[in-house]
N, C-alpha and C. Protein backbone atom coordinates (compact mmCIF):
# COMPACT_ATOMS: atom_id res chain seq x y z
N MET A 1 49.31 -2.15 19.23
CA MET A 1 48.95 -1.74 17.36
C MET A 1 47.21 -0.92 18.32
N LYS A 2 47.01 0.19 17.48
CA LYS A 2 45.67 1.21 17.75
C LYS A 2 45.10 0.18 17.76
N GLN A 3 43.95 -0.20 18.06
CA GLN A 3 42.85 -0.09 17.23
C GLN A 3 41.80 1.01 16.39
N ARG A 4 41.79 1.33 15.52
CA ARG A 4 40.75 1.53 14.56
C ARG A 4 39.30 1.61 14.73
N LEU A 5 38.66 2.31 15.09
CA LEU A 5 36.57 2.70 15.63
C LEU A 5 36.20 1.71 13.11
N HIS A 6 35.39 1.42 14.25
CA HIS A 6 34.57 1.08 12.75
C HIS A 6 32.62 1.64 13.12
N ILE A 7 32.55 2.38 12.50
CA ILE A 7 31.54 2.94 12.41
C ILE A 7 30.86 2.91 11.28
N GLY A 8 29.56 1.95 11.76
CA GLY A 8 28.49 2.15 10.97
C GLY A 8 27.89 2.75 9.73
N VAL A 9 27.48 3.08 8.62
CA VAL A 9 26.72 4.28 7.78
C VAL A 9 25.95 2.98 7.20
N LEU A 10 24.28 3.65 8.24
CA LEU A 10 23.09 2.63 7.79
C LEU A 10 22.12 3.75 7.31
N GLY A 11 20.88 3.29 5.91
CA GLY A 11 20.71 4.29 5.65
C GLY A 11 19.70 3.62 4.31
N PRO A 12 18.51 4.12 3.39
CA PRO A 12 17.88 3.97 2.82
C PRO A 12 19.37 2.59 0.85
N ASN A 13 18.14 2.15 0.56
CA ASN A 13 19.18 1.45 -0.24
C ASN A 13 18.92 2.57 -1.99
N THR A 14 18.09 3.80 -2.35
CA THR A 14 18.10 4.54 -2.90
C THR A 14 18.45 6.43 -2.34
N CYS A 15 18.56 6.77 -2.61
CA CYS A 15 17.90 8.12 -2.37
C CYS A 15 18.66 8.95 -2.59
N THR A 16 17.67 11.00 -2.36
CA THR A 16 17.62 11.84 -2.92
C THR A 16 19.31 12.44 -2.45
N ARG A 17 19.24 13.24 -4.10
CA ARG A 17 20.53 13.74 -3.82
C ARG A 17 20.69 15.02 -2.44
N GLU A 18 19.96 14.91 -1.79
CA GLU A 18 19.86 15.44 -0.41
C GLU A 18 20.78 14.33 0.52
N GLU A 19 20.39 13.56 1.16
CA GLU A 19 20.60 12.58 1.14
C GLU A 19 21.95 12.04 0.97
N TYR A 20 21.82 11.92 0.08
CA TYR A 20 23.49 11.36 -0.73
C TYR A 20 24.51 11.92 -0.24
N GLU A 21 24.10 13.59 -0.67
CA GLU A 21 25.68 14.29 0.46
C GLU A 21 25.37 14.51 1.35
N LEU A 22 24.15 14.29 2.58
CA LEU A 22 24.57 13.39 3.87
C LEU A 22 25.32 12.66 4.63
N GLY A 23 24.61 11.78 3.46
CA GLY A 23 26.00 9.85 3.30
C GLY A 23 27.61 10.75 3.16
N TYR A 24 28.22 11.00 2.44
CA TYR A 24 28.58 11.62 1.48
C TYR A 24 29.59 12.27 3.15
N ALA A 25 28.96 13.46 3.19
CA ALA A 25 29.69 14.44 4.09
C ALA A 25 30.18 13.76 5.48
N VAL A 26 29.31 12.26 6.20
CA VAL A 26 29.20 11.79 7.20
C VAL A 26 30.38 10.89 6.86
N GLY A 27 30.84 10.43 5.67
CA GLY A 27 31.50 9.49 5.81
C GLY A 27 33.75 9.72 5.22
N ALA A 28 33.05 11.48 4.77
CA ALA A 28 34.12 12.10 4.65
C ALA A 28 34.31 12.51 6.08
N GLY A 29 34.03 12.93 6.73
CA GLY A 29 34.00 12.97 7.87
C GLY A 29 34.93 12.42 9.57
N LEU A 30 34.23 11.09 9.47
CA LEU A 30 35.13 9.44 9.43
C LEU A 30 35.79 9.01 9.32
N ALA A 31 36.53 9.27 8.24
CA ALA A 31 37.68 9.04 6.99
C ALA A 31 38.41 9.61 7.81
N GLU A 32 37.79 11.01 7.85
CA GLU A 32 39.49 11.90 8.23
C GLU A 32 39.91 12.08 9.78
N ALA A 33 38.76 11.55 10.19
CA ALA A 33 39.19 10.80 11.76
C ALA A 33 39.65 9.70 12.42
N GLY A 34 39.79 8.99 10.85
CA GLY A 34 40.35 7.64 10.97
C GLY A 34 39.78 6.83 11.35
N ALA A 35 38.56 6.29 11.46
CA ALA A 35 37.99 5.21 11.16
C ALA A 35 37.79 4.62 10.09
N VAL A 36 37.31 2.61 10.04
CA VAL A 36 36.76 2.26 9.45
C VAL A 36 35.73 2.23 9.09
N LEU A 37 35.34 2.52 7.81
CA LEU A 37 33.60 3.05 7.34
C LEU A 37 32.88 2.24 7.06
N VAL A 38 31.84 1.13 7.71
CA VAL A 38 31.40 -0.73 7.49
C VAL A 38 30.08 -0.21 6.88
N CYS A 39 29.54 -0.99 5.91
CA CYS A 39 27.95 -0.76 5.64
C CYS A 39 27.57 -1.77 5.22
N GLY A 40 27.18 -1.75 4.15
CA GLY A 40 26.18 -2.75 3.52
C GLY A 40 26.52 -3.14 1.85
N GLY A 41 27.10 -2.51 1.85
CA GLY A 41 27.95 -2.35 0.23
C GLY A 41 26.99 -1.58 -0.44
N LEU A 42 26.07 -1.82 -0.67
CA LEU A 42 25.04 -1.18 -2.63
C LEU A 42 25.18 0.23 -2.96
N GLY A 43 24.39 -0.20 -3.07
CA GLY A 43 23.65 1.74 -2.92
C GLY A 43 23.52 2.43 -2.53
N GLY A 44 22.62 3.54 -2.35
CA GLY A 44 21.91 4.40 -2.25
C GLY A 44 23.20 4.75 -0.69
N MET A 45 22.56 5.19 0.83
CA MET A 45 22.90 5.80 0.83
C MET A 45 24.86 4.40 1.56
N MET A 46 24.12 3.67 0.79
CA MET A 46 26.24 3.14 1.34
C MET A 46 27.02 3.65 0.37
N GLU A 47 26.25 3.10 -0.08
CA GLU A 47 27.14 4.59 -1.95
C GLU A 47 27.82 5.50 -1.13
N ALA A 48 27.09 6.24 -1.18
CA ALA A 48 27.07 7.98 -0.85
C ALA A 48 28.11 8.32 0.67
N ALA A 49 28.25 7.33 1.48
CA ALA A 49 28.86 7.57 2.31
C ALA A 49 30.60 6.67 2.26
N ALA A 50 30.39 5.42 2.10
CA ALA A 50 31.97 5.27 1.42
C ALA A 50 31.74 5.93 0.05
N GLU A 51 31.97 6.34 -0.60
CA GLU A 51 32.19 7.40 -1.47
C GLU A 51 32.99 8.73 -0.76
N GLY A 52 31.93 8.99 0.13
CA GLY A 52 33.16 10.02 0.87
C GLY A 52 34.16 9.22 1.31
N ALA A 53 34.09 8.92 1.91
CA ALA A 53 35.83 8.26 2.89
C ALA A 53 36.24 7.96 1.79
N LYS A 54 36.37 7.71 0.62
CA LYS A 54 36.96 7.28 -0.49
C LYS A 54 37.75 9.03 -0.76
N SER A 55 36.59 9.89 -1.16
CA SER A 55 37.44 10.50 -1.31
C SER A 55 38.44 11.81 0.05
N ARG A 56 38.08 11.17 0.95
CA ARG A 56 39.67 11.05 2.35
C ARG A 56 40.54 9.57 2.37
N ASP A 57 40.97 9.52 1.33
CA ASP A 57 42.05 7.27 1.71
C ASP A 57 41.24 7.23 2.98
N GLY A 58 40.25 7.48 2.78
CA GLY A 58 39.24 6.04 4.19
C GLY A 58 39.36 3.88 3.60
N VAL A 59 39.25 4.07 4.86
CA VAL A 59 39.52 2.21 4.33
C VAL A 59 36.85 1.93 4.69
N THR A 60 36.91 1.47 3.97
CA THR A 60 35.76 1.14 3.87
C THR A 60 35.13 -0.80 3.70
N VAL A 61 34.53 -1.19 4.32
CA VAL A 61 34.05 -2.93 4.72
C VAL A 61 32.42 -3.17 4.01
N GLY A 62 31.85 -3.78 3.57
CA GLY A 62 30.79 -3.89 3.34
C GLY A 62 30.30 -5.09 3.62
N LEU A 63 29.11 -5.20 4.28
CA LEU A 63 28.87 -6.84 4.51
C LEU A 63 27.42 -6.54 3.49
N LEU A 64 27.81 -7.57 2.77
CA LEU A 64 26.28 -7.35 1.20
C LEU A 64 25.38 -8.29 1.15
N PRO A 65 24.24 -8.72 1.23
CA PRO A 65 23.27 -9.92 1.60
C PRO A 65 23.74 -10.06 0.53
N GLY A 66 23.79 -10.25 -0.63
CA GLY A 66 23.83 -11.60 -1.93
C GLY A 66 25.72 -12.15 -1.21
N GLU A 67 25.52 -13.16 -2.54
CA GLU A 67 27.25 -13.92 -2.81
C GLU A 67 28.02 -13.80 -3.72
N GLU A 68 27.98 -12.50 -4.46
CA GLU A 68 28.67 -12.08 -4.95
C GLU A 68 29.82 -11.38 -4.98
N ALA A 69 31.25 -10.77 -4.92
CA ALA A 69 31.27 -9.10 -3.82
C ALA A 69 31.65 -8.90 -5.28
N GLN A 70 31.65 -8.54 -6.83
CA GLN A 70 31.19 -7.87 -7.35
C GLN A 70 29.95 -7.12 -7.49
N SER A 71 29.13 -7.40 -6.46
CA SER A 71 28.15 -6.33 -6.15
C SER A 71 28.50 -5.04 -5.66
N ALA A 72 29.86 -5.42 -4.97
CA ALA A 72 29.31 -4.70 -4.17
C ALA A 72 29.75 -3.06 -5.22
N ASN A 73 29.66 -1.41 -4.43
CA ASN A 73 29.82 -0.42 -4.85
C ASN A 73 31.25 0.10 -5.04
N ALA A 74 31.26 0.80 -6.22
CA ALA A 74 33.35 1.24 -6.79
C ALA A 74 33.62 1.50 -5.46
N PHE A 75 32.86 2.26 -4.45
CA PHE A 75 34.19 2.65 -3.05
C PHE A 75 34.24 1.45 -2.23
N ILE A 76 33.88 0.71 -2.18
CA ILE A 76 33.93 -0.51 -1.26
C ILE A 76 35.15 -0.76 -1.29
N ASP A 77 36.94 -0.83 -0.44
CA ASP A 77 37.64 -1.87 -0.14
C ASP A 77 37.49 -2.95 -0.01
N ILE A 78 36.96 -3.47 1.04
CA ILE A 78 36.27 -4.86 1.45
C ILE A 78 35.39 -5.62 1.21
N PRO A 79 35.26 -6.22 0.39
CA PRO A 79 33.24 -6.43 0.44
C PRO A 79 32.87 -8.34 0.64
N LEU A 80 32.64 -8.00 1.11
CA LEU A 80 31.81 -9.43 2.40
C LEU A 80 30.45 -10.30 2.02
N PRO A 81 31.04 -10.69 0.56
CA PRO A 81 29.67 -11.65 0.89
C PRO A 81 28.75 -11.99 1.42
N THR A 82 27.48 -12.21 1.75
CA THR A 82 27.15 -13.43 3.05
C THR A 82 26.09 -14.36 3.02
N GLY A 83 25.70 -13.96 1.81
CA GLY A 83 24.83 -14.54 1.19
C GLY A 83 23.25 -14.80 1.96
N LEU A 84 23.70 -14.11 2.51
CA LEU A 84 22.00 -14.12 3.84
C LEU A 84 20.59 -13.25 3.21
N GLY A 85 21.09 -12.35 2.69
CA GLY A 85 19.62 -11.22 2.10
C GLY A 85 19.85 -10.45 3.75
N PRO A 86 18.19 -9.65 3.90
CA PRO A 86 18.54 -8.35 4.65
C PRO A 86 19.06 -9.56 6.40
N VAL A 87 18.86 -10.52 5.97
CA VAL A 87 19.59 -10.98 7.09
C VAL A 87 20.95 -10.44 7.73
N ARG A 88 21.66 -9.58 6.73
CA ARG A 88 23.96 -9.41 6.98
C ARG A 88 22.82 -8.79 8.08
N ASN A 89 22.39 -8.41 7.76
CA ASN A 89 22.18 -5.98 8.84
C ASN A 89 22.66 -5.97 10.29
N VAL A 90 21.83 -7.51 10.47
CA VAL A 90 22.64 -7.76 12.24
C VAL A 90 23.96 -7.64 11.86
N LEU A 91 24.30 -8.71 11.85
CA LEU A 91 26.49 -8.45 11.68
C LEU A 91 26.53 -7.27 10.49
N VAL A 92 25.90 -6.65 10.35
CA VAL A 92 26.29 -5.05 9.57
C VAL A 92 26.69 -4.82 11.57
N VAL A 93 25.40 -4.02 11.28
CA VAL A 93 26.23 -4.12 12.71
C VAL A 93 26.49 -3.66 14.02
N ARG A 94 26.98 -5.82 13.83
CA ARG A 94 27.31 -6.17 15.65
C ARG A 94 28.85 -5.77 14.97
N ALA A 95 29.46 -5.24 13.64
CA ALA A 95 30.88 -5.40 13.38
C ALA A 95 31.08 -3.94 14.32
N CYS A 96 30.50 -3.55 14.50
CA CYS A 96 30.67 -1.50 14.41
C CYS A 96 30.36 -1.58 16.04
N ASP A 97 31.60 -0.22 16.22
CA ASP A 97 31.96 0.22 17.84
C ASP A 97 30.36 0.99 17.67
N ALA A 98 29.59 1.79 16.76
CA ALA A 98 28.87 3.01 16.76
C ALA A 98 28.25 3.07 15.12
N VAL A 99 27.15 3.23 15.02
CA VAL A 99 26.37 3.59 13.80
C VAL A 99 25.21 4.27 13.92
N ILE A 100 25.47 5.29 12.63
CA ILE A 100 24.82 6.20 12.32
C ILE A 100 23.48 5.73 11.73
N ALA A 101 22.42 6.00 11.22
CA ALA A 101 21.64 6.15 10.90
C ALA A 101 20.93 7.71 10.50
N ILE A 102 21.02 7.29 9.26
CA ILE A 102 20.41 8.39 7.92
C ILE A 102 19.49 8.47 7.47
N ARG A 103 18.58 8.44 7.76
CA ARG A 103 16.82 8.79 7.58
C ARG A 103 16.56 7.16 6.49
N GLY A 104 16.16 6.25 5.70
CA GLY A 104 16.46 5.40 5.53
C GLY A 104 14.62 4.08 5.75
N GLY A 105 14.29 2.66 5.68
CA GLY A 105 13.15 2.62 5.30
C GLY A 105 13.31 1.60 6.35
N TYR A 106 12.65 0.49 6.31
CA TYR A 106 12.29 -0.56 7.29
C TYR A 106 13.93 -1.50 7.43
N GLY A 107 15.03 -1.36 6.37
CA GLY A 107 15.94 -1.97 6.88
C GLY A 107 16.95 -1.34 7.31
N THR A 108 17.21 0.46 7.38
CA THR A 108 17.53 0.26 8.47
C THR A 108 16.89 0.90 9.55
N LEU A 109 15.54 1.08 9.87
CA LEU A 109 14.88 0.43 11.18
C LEU A 109 15.22 -0.92 12.20
N SER A 110 15.21 -1.96 11.40
CA SER A 110 16.01 -2.93 11.25
C SER A 110 17.07 -3.82 11.85
N GLU A 111 18.20 -2.45 11.19
CA GLU A 111 18.84 -2.23 11.99
C GLU A 111 19.92 -1.19 13.10
N VAL A 112 18.18 0.16 12.97
CA VAL A 112 18.10 0.49 14.11
C VAL A 112 18.23 -0.66 15.48
N ALA A 113 17.37 -1.59 15.54
CA ALA A 113 16.99 -1.88 16.59
C ALA A 113 17.39 -3.37 16.93
N PHE A 114 18.69 -3.97 16.04
CA PHE A 114 19.24 -5.35 15.76
C PHE A 114 20.57 -4.52 17.46
N ALA A 115 21.57 -2.81 17.09
CA ALA A 115 22.10 -2.53 17.89
C ALA A 115 21.96 -1.67 19.18
N LEU A 116 20.00 -1.19 19.05
CA LEU A 116 19.40 -1.03 20.46
C LEU A 116 20.08 -2.78 21.78
N ARG A 117 19.29 -3.31 20.80
CA ARG A 117 19.26 -4.88 21.58
C ARG A 117 21.00 -5.14 22.11
N LEU A 118 21.18 -5.20 20.73
CA LEU A 118 22.78 -5.38 21.04
C LEU A 118 24.31 -4.32 21.86
N GLY A 119 23.02 -2.81 22.37
CA GLY A 119 24.08 -1.97 23.04
C GLY A 119 25.28 -1.20 22.22
N VAL A 120 25.07 -1.95 20.55
CA VAL A 120 25.71 -0.28 19.92
C VAL A 120 24.84 0.81 19.78
N PRO A 121 25.73 2.31 19.70
CA PRO A 121 25.47 3.30 20.08
C PRO A 121 24.96 3.71 18.10
N VAL A 122 24.21 4.59 19.08
CA VAL A 122 23.39 4.26 17.76
C VAL A 122 22.92 5.88 17.84
N ILE A 123 23.65 6.64 16.17
CA ILE A 123 23.96 8.00 16.30
C ILE A 123 22.19 8.03 15.31
N GLY A 124 21.26 9.26 15.53
CA GLY A 124 19.70 9.06 14.75
C GLY A 124 20.37 10.54 13.61
N LEU A 125 20.92 11.13 12.30
CA LEU A 125 20.73 11.89 11.78
C LEU A 125 19.39 11.89 10.63
N ASN A 126 17.58 12.83 11.02
CA ASN A 126 16.96 12.28 10.24
C ASN A 126 16.84 11.32 10.10
N THR A 127 16.19 10.16 11.37
CA THR A 127 15.72 8.51 10.93
C THR A 127 14.37 8.85 11.65
N TRP A 128 14.56 7.40 12.00
CA TRP A 128 14.00 7.12 13.00
C TRP A 128 13.43 7.21 14.36
N SER A 129 12.46 7.26 15.11
CA SER A 129 12.68 7.40 16.43
C SER A 129 11.48 6.14 17.05
N ALA A 130 11.80 5.87 18.55
CA ALA A 130 11.38 4.75 18.91
C ALA A 130 10.76 5.31 20.12
N VAL A 131 9.85 4.30 20.50
CA VAL A 131 8.78 4.76 21.07
C VAL A 131 8.88 4.06 22.71
N LYS A 132 9.23 3.68 23.03
CA LYS A 132 8.11 2.46 24.26
C LYS A 132 7.97 3.05 25.98
N ASP A 133 6.69 2.44 25.47
CA ASP A 133 5.29 1.95 27.15
C ASP A 133 5.18 4.25 27.20
N GLY A 134 5.39 4.82 25.66
CA GLY A 134 5.02 6.40 25.73
C GLY A 134 5.56 7.29 26.03
N GLN A 135 7.31 7.29 25.70
CA GLN A 135 8.41 7.60 26.28
C GLN A 135 9.54 7.34 25.33
N PRO A 136 10.24 8.81 24.68
CA PRO A 136 11.26 8.39 23.55
C PRO A 136 12.25 7.67 23.91
N ASP A 137 12.38 6.21 23.14
CA ASP A 137 14.25 5.23 23.89
C ASP A 137 15.20 6.55 23.89
N PRO A 138 15.77 6.42 24.78
CA PRO A 138 17.62 7.97 24.69
C PRO A 138 18.24 7.16 24.12
N GLY A 139 18.57 5.48 23.78
CA GLY A 139 19.15 5.50 22.47
C GLY A 139 19.56 5.33 21.50
N ILE A 140 18.29 6.44 21.41
CA ILE A 140 18.63 6.64 19.35
C ILE A 140 19.15 8.19 20.52
N HIS A 141 20.84 8.18 19.24
CA HIS A 141 21.00 9.94 19.76
C HIS A 141 20.58 10.23 18.54
N ALA A 142 19.63 11.72 18.66
CA ALA A 142 19.18 11.91 17.81
C ALA A 142 20.48 13.79 16.71
N VAL A 143 20.70 13.70 15.78
CA VAL A 143 21.67 15.08 16.09
C VAL A 143 21.17 15.90 14.94
N ASP A 144 21.53 17.18 14.19
CA ASP A 144 21.32 18.19 13.20
C ASP A 144 22.06 17.46 12.18
N THR A 145 23.19 16.77 12.37
CA THR A 145 24.53 18.09 11.18
C THR A 145 24.80 16.76 10.75
N PRO A 146 25.72 16.58 10.02
CA PRO A 146 26.55 15.45 9.99
C PRO A 146 27.74 15.35 10.11
N GLU A 147 28.45 16.65 10.82
CA GLU A 147 29.85 17.43 11.84
C GLU A 147 29.25 16.23 13.14
N GLU A 148 27.53 15.96 13.30
CA GLU A 148 27.09 15.85 14.48
C GLU A 148 27.16 14.63 14.65
N ALA A 149 26.81 13.98 13.79
CA ALA A 149 27.00 12.59 14.22
C ALA A 149 28.56 11.01 13.94
N VAL A 150 29.03 12.68 13.20
CA VAL A 150 30.00 10.98 13.24
C VAL A 150 31.07 11.86 14.33
N ARG A 151 31.12 13.14 14.89
CA ARG A 151 31.82 13.68 16.83
C ARG A 151 30.70 12.20 17.75
N LEU A 152 30.33 12.05 17.88
CA LEU A 152 29.38 12.39 18.08
C LEU A 152 29.91 9.97 17.63
N ALA A 153 29.64 9.78 16.91
CA ALA A 153 29.46 9.15 16.90
C ALA A 153 30.98 7.83 17.66
N LEU A 154 31.76 8.83 16.77
CA LEU A 154 33.11 8.39 17.43
C LEU A 154 33.87 8.96 19.26
N GLU A 155 32.90 9.06 19.85
CA GLU A 155 32.37 10.16 21.52
C GLU A 155 31.51 7.79 21.64
N GLN A 156 31.53 7.67 20.95
CA GLN A 156 30.02 6.96 21.71
C GLN A 156 30.93 5.37 21.76
N GLY A 157 31.73 5.51 20.16
CA GLY A 157 31.87 4.36 20.14
C GLY A 157 32.75 3.70 20.63
N LYS A 158 34.00 4.49 21.46
CA LYS A 158 35.33 4.73 22.06
C LYS A 158 34.61 4.34 23.51
N LYS A 159 33.35 4.51 23.87
CA LYS A 159 33.21 3.54 25.64
C LYS A 159 32.81 1.91 25.02
N PRO A 160 32.67 1.54 26.30
CA PRO A 160 32.42 -0.29 26.80
C PRO A 160 30.73 -0.05 26.67
N TYR A 161 30.57 -1.20 25.72
CA TYR A 161 29.74 -0.80 26.18
C TYR A 161 28.34 -2.89 25.88
């Protein structure tokens, strides 16, 4: 049986209309490619990406910080309550073959850091960058469009890490 790629979408829990549109486009692109969308399951970027995926009949998984499955946004097919609060961020990343970070605050930054630490490919769409010893960290692959983000995440997610 062919395993579908699990691609995470990371980003702010509240977002602007422009950010929402980026997330929606990424979610739709992932679903069109047959990937399973993994996210934190709540609002903002998580909802945008999940809505985009559902618009293309995609499958969505939300790893929730609380203990109630009902807290998931309306576009999550498989809500997984963890009861771990923000610590669940490491589970979101660990469940993915690659992640796409879109803008975001410190929660997104923590997920990017976990991904870098765990060797999960990180695609950055207008998000954080990392500098180590005065040099940009090559682990965050910066892109300019949702289409580039999806293409690179699918490509990077297929590589063993």
